[in-house]
């Protein structure tokens, strides 16, 4: 077990309307040493981000009820302090138009479902490593 305190672990928000996907992602991320906050749609995710402003990355499903990933992307980019939050789209949607639209709205990248745990952790490590200022 790591000697790091829980609040020292980087926090990742997982947003998906499928409970099984949220559970799988959460397990993968926790095994990689991350702290996980979850939401089941975009509206809930907005609240979670306000409750957890230290969130370092969001993994967001593209298609969800109430508020989908595209709309959530727009909202996150308007929240002061989260304009540059890395956001990874998690989706089964391979349509170039939808992925392109997400990228144009500020997504950092995307991962297709079902996720490969090792590749997911590698991608997150790369993204968060690139997001850290030099010397930190």
N, C-alpha and C. Protein backbone atom coordinates (compact mmCIF):
# COMPACT_ATOMS: atom_id res chain seq x y z
N UNK A 1 0.84 -1.19 0.00
CA UNK A 1 0.00 0.00 0.00
C UNK A 1 0.88 1.24 0.00
N UNK A 2 0.48 2.25 -0.74
CA UNK A 2 1.24 3.48 -0.86
C UNK A 2 1.22 4.25 0.46
N UNK A 3 2.32 4.96 0.73
CA UNK A 3 2.39 5.77 1.95
C UNK A 3 1.79 7.15 1.73
N UNK A 4 1.35 7.46 0.50
CA UNK A 4 0.75 8.75 0.21
C UNK A 4 -0.57 8.89 0.94
N UNK A 5 -0.84 10.09 1.39
CA UNK A 5 -2.12 10.38 2.03
C UNK A 5 -3.19 10.45 0.94
N UNK A 6 -4.47 10.12 1.27
CA UNK A 6 -5.52 10.14 0.26
C UNK A 6 -5.64 11.47 -0.48
N UNK A 7 -5.42 12.59 0.22
CA UNK A 7 -5.57 13.88 -0.44
C UNK A 7 -4.37 14.20 -1.33
N UNK A 8 -3.32 13.38 -1.32
CA UNK A 8 -2.17 13.58 -2.19
C UNK A 8 -2.36 12.87 -3.52
N UNK A 9 -3.33 11.98 -3.60
CA UNK A 9 -3.59 11.26 -4.84
C UNK A 9 -4.31 12.18 -5.81
N UNK A 10 -3.94 12.12 -7.07
CA UNK A 10 -4.60 12.95 -8.07
C UNK A 10 -6.03 12.48 -8.26
N UNK A 11 -6.93 13.45 -8.34
CA UNK A 11 -8.37 13.16 -8.41
C UNK A 11 -8.84 13.17 -9.87
N UNK A 12 -9.58 12.12 -10.23
CA UNK A 12 -10.14 11.99 -11.58
C UNK A 12 -11.65 11.85 -11.46
N UNK A 13 -12.37 12.61 -12.28
CA UNK A 13 -13.82 12.52 -12.35
C UNK A 13 -14.20 11.55 -13.46
N UNK A 14 -15.05 10.57 -13.15
CA UNK A 14 -15.56 9.61 -14.12
C UNK A 14 -17.04 9.88 -14.30
N UNK A 15 -17.47 10.12 -15.55
CA UNK A 15 -18.86 10.45 -15.84
C UNK A 15 -19.39 9.49 -16.90
N UNK A 16 -20.33 8.65 -16.51
CA UNK A 16 -20.96 7.72 -17.45
C UNK A 16 -22.30 7.30 -16.86
N UNK A 17 -23.31 7.15 -17.72
CA UNK A 17 -24.63 6.76 -17.23
C UNK A 17 -24.74 5.27 -16.95
N UNK A 18 -23.77 4.48 -17.36
CA UNK A 18 -23.79 3.04 -17.09
C UNK A 18 -23.00 2.74 -15.82
N UNK A 19 -23.70 2.27 -14.80
CA UNK A 19 -23.06 2.00 -13.51
C UNK A 19 -21.90 1.01 -13.64
N UNK A 20 -22.05 0.01 -14.50
CA UNK A 20 -20.98 -0.98 -14.67
C UNK A 20 -19.72 -0.34 -15.22
N UNK A 21 -19.87 0.60 -16.14
CA UNK A 21 -18.71 1.30 -16.70
C UNK A 21 -18.05 2.16 -15.63
N UNK A 22 -18.85 2.88 -14.86
CA UNK A 22 -18.31 3.70 -13.77
C UNK A 22 -17.53 2.82 -12.79
N UNK A 23 -18.09 1.67 -12.43
CA UNK A 23 -17.42 0.76 -11.50
C UNK A 23 -16.11 0.24 -12.07
N UNK A 24 -16.11 -0.16 -13.35
CA UNK A 24 -14.90 -0.68 -13.98
C UNK A 24 -13.82 0.39 -14.07
N UNK A 25 -14.20 1.57 -14.51
CA UNK A 25 -13.23 2.66 -14.60
C UNK A 25 -12.68 3.03 -13.23
N UNK A 26 -13.56 3.12 -12.26
CA UNK A 26 -13.14 3.48 -10.90
C UNK A 26 -12.13 2.47 -10.37
N UNK A 27 -12.40 1.19 -10.59
CA UNK A 27 -11.48 0.14 -10.13
C UNK A 27 -10.13 0.27 -10.82
N UNK A 28 -10.15 0.49 -12.13
CA UNK A 28 -8.91 0.65 -12.89
C UNK A 28 -8.11 1.85 -12.37
N UNK A 29 -8.79 2.97 -12.20
CA UNK A 29 -8.11 4.20 -11.77
C UNK A 29 -7.56 4.07 -10.35
N UNK A 30 -8.33 3.49 -9.47
CA UNK A 30 -7.85 3.31 -8.09
C UNK A 30 -6.65 2.38 -8.05
N UNK A 31 -6.66 1.33 -8.89
CA UNK A 31 -5.51 0.43 -8.94
C UNK A 31 -4.28 1.15 -9.47
N UNK A 32 -4.49 2.22 -10.22
CA UNK A 32 -3.39 3.03 -10.74
C UNK A 32 -2.95 4.13 -9.79
N UNK A 33 -3.58 4.18 -8.61
CA UNK A 33 -3.17 5.15 -7.60
C UNK A 33 -3.92 6.46 -7.62
N UNK A 34 -5.01 6.53 -8.35
CA UNK A 34 -5.79 7.76 -8.44
C UNK A 34 -6.97 7.74 -7.47
N UNK A 35 -7.39 8.93 -7.07
CA UNK A 35 -8.61 9.12 -6.30
C UNK A 35 -9.72 9.33 -7.33
N UNK A 36 -10.89 8.79 -7.11
CA UNK A 36 -11.96 8.83 -8.11
C UNK A 36 -13.22 9.47 -7.53
N UNK A 37 -13.80 10.37 -8.32
CA UNK A 37 -15.10 10.96 -8.05
C UNK A 37 -15.98 10.56 -9.22
N UNK A 38 -17.24 10.20 -8.96
CA UNK A 38 -18.09 9.73 -10.04
C UNK A 38 -19.36 10.56 -10.20
N UNK A 39 -19.89 10.51 -11.42
CA UNK A 39 -21.18 11.13 -11.75
C UNK A 39 -21.81 10.30 -12.85
N UNK A 40 -23.14 10.35 -12.93
CA UNK A 40 -23.84 9.52 -13.91
C UNK A 40 -24.45 10.29 -15.06
N UNK A 41 -24.25 11.60 -15.10
CA UNK A 41 -24.62 12.42 -16.25
C UNK A 41 -23.93 13.77 -16.11
N UNK A 42 -24.07 14.59 -17.13
CA UNK A 42 -23.39 15.87 -17.13
C UNK A 42 -23.81 16.82 -16.03
N UNK A 43 -25.08 16.82 -15.69
CA UNK A 43 -25.55 17.71 -14.62
C UNK A 43 -24.90 17.35 -13.29
N UNK A 44 -24.89 16.06 -12.99
CA UNK A 44 -24.25 15.61 -11.75
C UNK A 44 -22.75 15.92 -11.79
N UNK A 45 -22.14 15.78 -12.95
CA UNK A 45 -20.70 16.06 -13.09
C UNK A 45 -20.37 17.52 -12.79
N UNK A 46 -21.23 18.43 -13.23
CA UNK A 46 -21.01 19.85 -12.93
C UNK A 46 -20.96 20.08 -11.42
N UNK A 47 -21.86 19.44 -10.68
CA UNK A 47 -21.87 19.57 -9.22
C UNK A 47 -20.61 18.96 -8.61
N UNK A 48 -20.21 17.80 -9.12
CA UNK A 48 -19.02 17.14 -8.58
C UNK A 48 -17.77 18.00 -8.78
N UNK A 49 -17.68 18.66 -9.92
CA UNK A 49 -16.52 19.52 -10.17
C UNK A 49 -16.50 20.72 -9.23
N UNK A 50 -17.66 21.23 -8.91
CA UNK A 50 -17.70 22.34 -7.95
C UNK A 50 -17.35 21.86 -6.54
N UNK A 51 -17.76 20.63 -6.21
CA UNK A 51 -17.44 20.06 -4.90
C UNK A 51 -15.97 19.64 -4.79
N UNK A 52 -15.36 19.32 -5.93
CA UNK A 52 -13.98 18.82 -5.96
C UNK A 52 -13.16 19.63 -6.95
N UNK A 53 -12.86 20.90 -6.62
CA UNK A 53 -12.14 21.76 -7.56
C UNK A 53 -10.69 21.32 -7.82
N UNK A 54 -10.19 20.38 -7.02
CA UNK A 54 -8.83 19.90 -7.24
C UNK A 54 -8.76 18.76 -8.26
N UNK A 55 -9.88 18.47 -8.93
CA UNK A 55 -9.92 17.42 -9.94
C UNK A 55 -8.89 17.73 -11.03
N UNK A 56 -8.11 16.71 -11.41
CA UNK A 56 -7.03 16.91 -12.37
C UNK A 56 -7.35 16.42 -13.77
N UNK A 57 -8.42 15.61 -13.92
CA UNK A 57 -8.77 15.05 -15.23
C UNK A 57 -10.20 14.55 -15.15
N UNK A 58 -10.91 14.61 -16.26
CA UNK A 58 -12.27 14.06 -16.33
C UNK A 58 -12.33 13.06 -17.48
N UNK A 59 -12.99 11.94 -17.23
CA UNK A 59 -13.29 10.95 -18.26
C UNK A 59 -14.80 10.99 -18.44
N UNK A 60 -15.24 11.34 -19.64
CA UNK A 60 -16.64 11.67 -19.87
C UNK A 60 -17.22 10.85 -21.02
N UNK A 61 -18.35 10.19 -20.74
CA UNK A 61 -19.10 9.49 -21.79
C UNK A 61 -19.69 10.53 -22.73
N UNK A 62 -19.74 10.20 -24.00
CA UNK A 62 -20.26 11.13 -24.99
C UNK A 62 -21.78 11.20 -24.97
N UNK A 63 -22.44 10.05 -24.81
CA UNK A 63 -23.91 9.99 -24.89
C UNK A 63 -24.51 9.61 -23.54
N UNK A 64 -25.16 10.60 -22.90
CA UNK A 64 -25.79 10.39 -21.59
C UNK A 64 -27.10 11.15 -21.55
N UNK A 65 -28.02 10.71 -20.67
CA UNK A 65 -29.28 11.46 -20.51
C UNK A 65 -29.04 12.77 -19.77
N UNK A 66 -30.01 13.62 -19.80
CA UNK A 66 -30.04 14.94 -19.14
C UNK A 66 -28.99 15.90 -19.70
N UNK A 67 -27.72 15.55 -19.66
CA UNK A 67 -26.68 16.37 -20.27
C UNK A 67 -25.58 15.44 -20.76
N UNK A 68 -25.38 15.41 -22.06
CA UNK A 68 -24.37 14.54 -22.64
C UNK A 68 -22.98 15.14 -22.58
N UNK A 69 -22.03 14.39 -23.09
CA UNK A 69 -20.63 14.78 -23.04
C UNK A 69 -20.31 16.06 -23.80
N UNK A 70 -20.94 16.26 -24.96
CA UNK A 70 -20.67 17.48 -25.74
C UNK A 70 -21.05 18.73 -24.94
N UNK A 71 -22.24 18.71 -24.37
CA UNK A 71 -22.71 19.86 -23.60
C UNK A 71 -21.87 20.04 -22.33
N UNK A 72 -21.51 18.93 -21.69
CA UNK A 72 -20.68 19.02 -20.49
C UNK A 72 -19.32 19.64 -20.82
N UNK A 73 -18.75 19.27 -21.94
CA UNK A 73 -17.48 19.88 -22.36
C UNK A 73 -17.60 21.40 -22.41
N UNK A 74 -18.66 21.88 -23.03
CA UNK A 74 -18.87 23.33 -23.13
C UNK A 74 -18.96 23.96 -21.74
N UNK A 75 -19.69 23.32 -20.83
CA UNK A 75 -19.86 23.87 -19.49
C UNK A 75 -18.54 23.87 -18.72
N UNK A 76 -17.79 22.80 -18.80
CA UNK A 76 -16.52 22.73 -18.07
C UNK A 76 -15.58 23.83 -18.55
N UNK A 77 -15.53 24.06 -19.85
CA UNK A 77 -14.63 25.07 -20.40
C UNK A 77 -15.02 26.48 -19.96
N UNK A 78 -16.22 26.65 -19.41
CA UNK A 78 -16.66 27.96 -18.93
C UNK A 78 -16.50 28.12 -17.42
N UNK A 79 -16.06 27.07 -16.72
CA UNK A 79 -15.91 27.15 -15.27
C UNK A 79 -14.52 27.71 -14.96
N UNK A 80 -14.50 28.81 -14.24
CA UNK A 80 -13.23 29.44 -13.90
C UNK A 80 -12.33 28.46 -13.16
N UNK A 81 -11.12 28.34 -13.64
CA UNK A 81 -10.14 27.44 -13.05
C UNK A 81 -10.12 26.07 -13.69
N UNK A 82 -11.15 25.73 -14.49
CA UNK A 82 -11.19 24.41 -15.14
C UNK A 82 -11.11 24.52 -16.66
N UNK A 83 -10.79 25.71 -17.16
CA UNK A 83 -10.74 25.92 -18.60
C UNK A 83 -9.77 24.97 -19.28
N UNK A 84 -8.71 24.57 -18.59
CA UNK A 84 -7.68 23.71 -19.16
C UNK A 84 -7.70 22.29 -18.60
N UNK A 85 -8.76 21.92 -17.87
CA UNK A 85 -8.85 20.58 -17.31
C UNK A 85 -8.79 19.56 -18.45
N UNK A 86 -7.86 18.59 -18.38
CA UNK A 86 -7.86 17.55 -19.41
C UNK A 86 -9.15 16.74 -19.34
N UNK A 87 -9.78 16.56 -20.51
CA UNK A 87 -11.04 15.81 -20.59
C UNK A 87 -10.89 14.73 -21.66
N UNK A 88 -11.06 13.49 -21.23
CA UNK A 88 -10.97 12.36 -22.14
C UNK A 88 -12.39 11.84 -22.37
N UNK A 89 -12.77 11.73 -23.63
CA UNK A 89 -14.07 11.20 -24.00
C UNK A 89 -13.98 9.68 -24.02
N UNK A 90 -14.92 9.02 -23.37
CA UNK A 90 -15.01 7.56 -23.37
C UNK A 90 -16.30 7.22 -24.09
N UNK A 91 -16.20 6.46 -25.17
CA UNK A 91 -17.39 6.25 -25.98
C UNK A 91 -17.32 4.98 -26.81
N UNK A 92 -18.46 4.52 -27.26
CA UNK A 92 -18.54 3.45 -28.25
C UNK A 92 -18.72 4.07 -29.63
N UNK A 93 -18.95 5.36 -29.68
CA UNK A 93 -19.23 6.10 -30.92
C UNK A 93 -17.92 6.34 -31.67
N UNK A 94 -17.78 5.69 -32.82
CA UNK A 94 -16.57 5.84 -33.63
C UNK A 94 -16.76 6.85 -34.75
N UNK A 95 -17.90 7.53 -34.77
CA UNK A 95 -18.19 8.48 -35.85
C UNK A 95 -17.20 9.64 -35.81
N UNK A 96 -16.44 9.82 -36.89
CA UNK A 96 -15.45 10.91 -36.91
C UNK A 96 -16.07 12.28 -36.63
N UNK A 97 -17.30 12.50 -37.11
CA UNK A 97 -17.93 13.81 -36.89
C UNK A 97 -18.16 14.07 -35.40
N UNK A 98 -18.62 13.06 -34.66
CA UNK A 98 -18.87 13.25 -33.22
C UNK A 98 -17.57 13.42 -32.45
N UNK A 99 -16.56 12.63 -32.79
CA UNK A 99 -15.27 12.76 -32.10
C UNK A 99 -14.62 14.09 -32.45
N UNK A 100 -14.73 14.49 -33.70
CA UNK A 100 -14.18 15.78 -34.12
C UNK A 100 -14.86 16.93 -33.42
N UNK A 101 -16.17 16.83 -33.26
CA UNK A 101 -16.93 17.87 -32.55
C UNK A 101 -16.47 17.97 -31.10
N UNK A 102 -16.28 16.82 -30.46
CA UNK A 102 -15.80 16.82 -29.07
C UNK A 102 -14.41 17.45 -28.98
N UNK A 103 -13.55 17.12 -29.92
CA UNK A 103 -12.20 17.70 -29.90
C UNK A 103 -12.26 19.22 -30.11
N UNK A 104 -13.15 19.67 -30.98
CA UNK A 104 -13.26 21.11 -31.23
C UNK A 104 -13.83 21.85 -30.02
N UNK A 105 -14.54 21.14 -29.16
CA UNK A 105 -15.10 21.76 -27.96
C UNK A 105 -14.14 21.68 -26.77
N UNK A 106 -12.98 21.10 -26.99
CA UNK A 106 -11.98 21.12 -25.92
C UNK A 106 -11.60 19.78 -25.33
N UNK A 107 -12.06 18.67 -25.92
CA UNK A 107 -11.64 17.37 -25.41
C UNK A 107 -10.14 17.19 -25.65
N UNK A 108 -9.48 16.53 -24.72
CA UNK A 108 -8.05 16.28 -24.83
C UNK A 108 -7.79 15.07 -25.72
N UNK A 109 -8.71 14.12 -25.71
CA UNK A 109 -8.59 12.91 -26.51
C UNK A 109 -9.78 12.02 -26.26
N UNK A 110 -9.73 10.79 -26.77
CA UNK A 110 -10.83 9.87 -26.55
C UNK A 110 -10.31 8.45 -26.41
N UNK A 111 -11.14 7.63 -25.77
CA UNK A 111 -10.87 6.22 -25.58
C UNK A 111 -12.15 5.49 -25.94
N UNK A 112 -12.01 4.42 -26.72
CA UNK A 112 -13.19 3.65 -27.10
C UNK A 112 -13.50 2.60 -26.05
N UNK A 113 -14.82 2.39 -25.81
CA UNK A 113 -15.27 1.33 -24.91
C UNK A 113 -15.26 0.02 -25.68
N UNK A 114 -15.03 -1.07 -25.04
CA UNK A 114 -14.59 -1.20 -23.65
C UNK A 114 -13.13 -0.80 -23.53
N UNK A 115 -12.77 -0.23 -22.39
CA UNK A 115 -11.40 0.26 -22.21
C UNK A 115 -10.46 -0.87 -21.85
N UNK A 116 -9.22 -0.72 -22.27
CA UNK A 116 -8.14 -1.62 -21.86
C UNK A 116 -7.49 -0.96 -20.65
N UNK A 117 -7.58 -1.57 -19.45
CA UNK A 117 -7.09 -0.92 -18.24
C UNK A 117 -5.65 -0.41 -18.33
N UNK A 118 -4.75 -1.21 -18.86
CA UNK A 118 -3.35 -0.81 -18.93
C UNK A 118 -3.16 0.38 -19.87
N UNK A 119 -3.81 0.33 -21.02
CA UNK A 119 -3.69 1.45 -21.98
C UNK A 119 -4.33 2.72 -21.43
N UNK A 120 -5.44 2.57 -20.72
CA UNK A 120 -6.09 3.72 -20.11
C UNK A 120 -5.16 4.40 -19.12
N UNK A 121 -4.56 3.62 -18.23
CA UNK A 121 -3.65 4.19 -17.23
C UNK A 121 -2.44 4.83 -17.89
N UNK A 122 -1.91 4.23 -18.93
CA UNK A 122 -0.78 4.81 -19.64
C UNK A 122 -1.16 6.15 -20.27
N UNK A 123 -2.34 6.21 -20.88
CA UNK A 123 -2.79 7.45 -21.50
C UNK A 123 -2.98 8.54 -20.45
N UNK A 124 -3.58 8.19 -19.32
CA UNK A 124 -3.80 9.18 -18.26
C UNK A 124 -2.47 9.66 -17.69
N UNK A 125 -1.55 8.75 -17.49
CA UNK A 125 -0.23 9.15 -16.99
C UNK A 125 0.44 10.12 -17.96
N UNK A 126 0.32 9.87 -19.27
CA UNK A 126 0.90 10.78 -20.27
C UNK A 126 0.22 12.14 -20.22
N UNK A 127 -1.12 12.13 -20.18
CA UNK A 127 -1.86 13.39 -20.17
C UNK A 127 -1.53 14.20 -18.92
N UNK A 128 -1.58 13.55 -17.76
CA UNK A 128 -1.32 14.28 -16.52
C UNK A 128 0.13 14.69 -16.40
N UNK A 129 1.03 13.90 -16.94
CA UNK A 129 2.45 14.29 -16.95
C UNK A 129 2.68 15.51 -17.79
N UNK A 130 1.99 15.59 -18.95
CA UNK A 130 2.12 16.74 -19.83
C UNK A 130 1.45 17.97 -19.24
N UNK A 131 0.45 17.76 -18.35
CA UNK A 131 -0.28 18.88 -17.76
C UNK A 131 0.44 19.50 -16.58
N UNK A 132 1.46 18.81 -16.05
CA UNK A 132 2.19 19.32 -14.89
C UNK A 132 3.19 20.39 -15.32
N UNK A 133 3.25 21.52 -14.65
CA UNK A 133 4.23 22.54 -14.97
C UNK A 133 5.64 22.01 -14.70
N UNK A 134 6.63 22.46 -15.48
CA UNK A 134 8.00 22.02 -15.24
C UNK A 134 8.43 22.29 -13.80
N UNK A 135 9.13 21.33 -13.23
CA UNK A 135 9.65 21.49 -11.87
C UNK A 135 8.67 21.15 -10.78
N UNK A 136 7.43 20.69 -11.14
CA UNK A 136 6.48 20.37 -10.07
C UNK A 136 6.45 18.89 -9.80
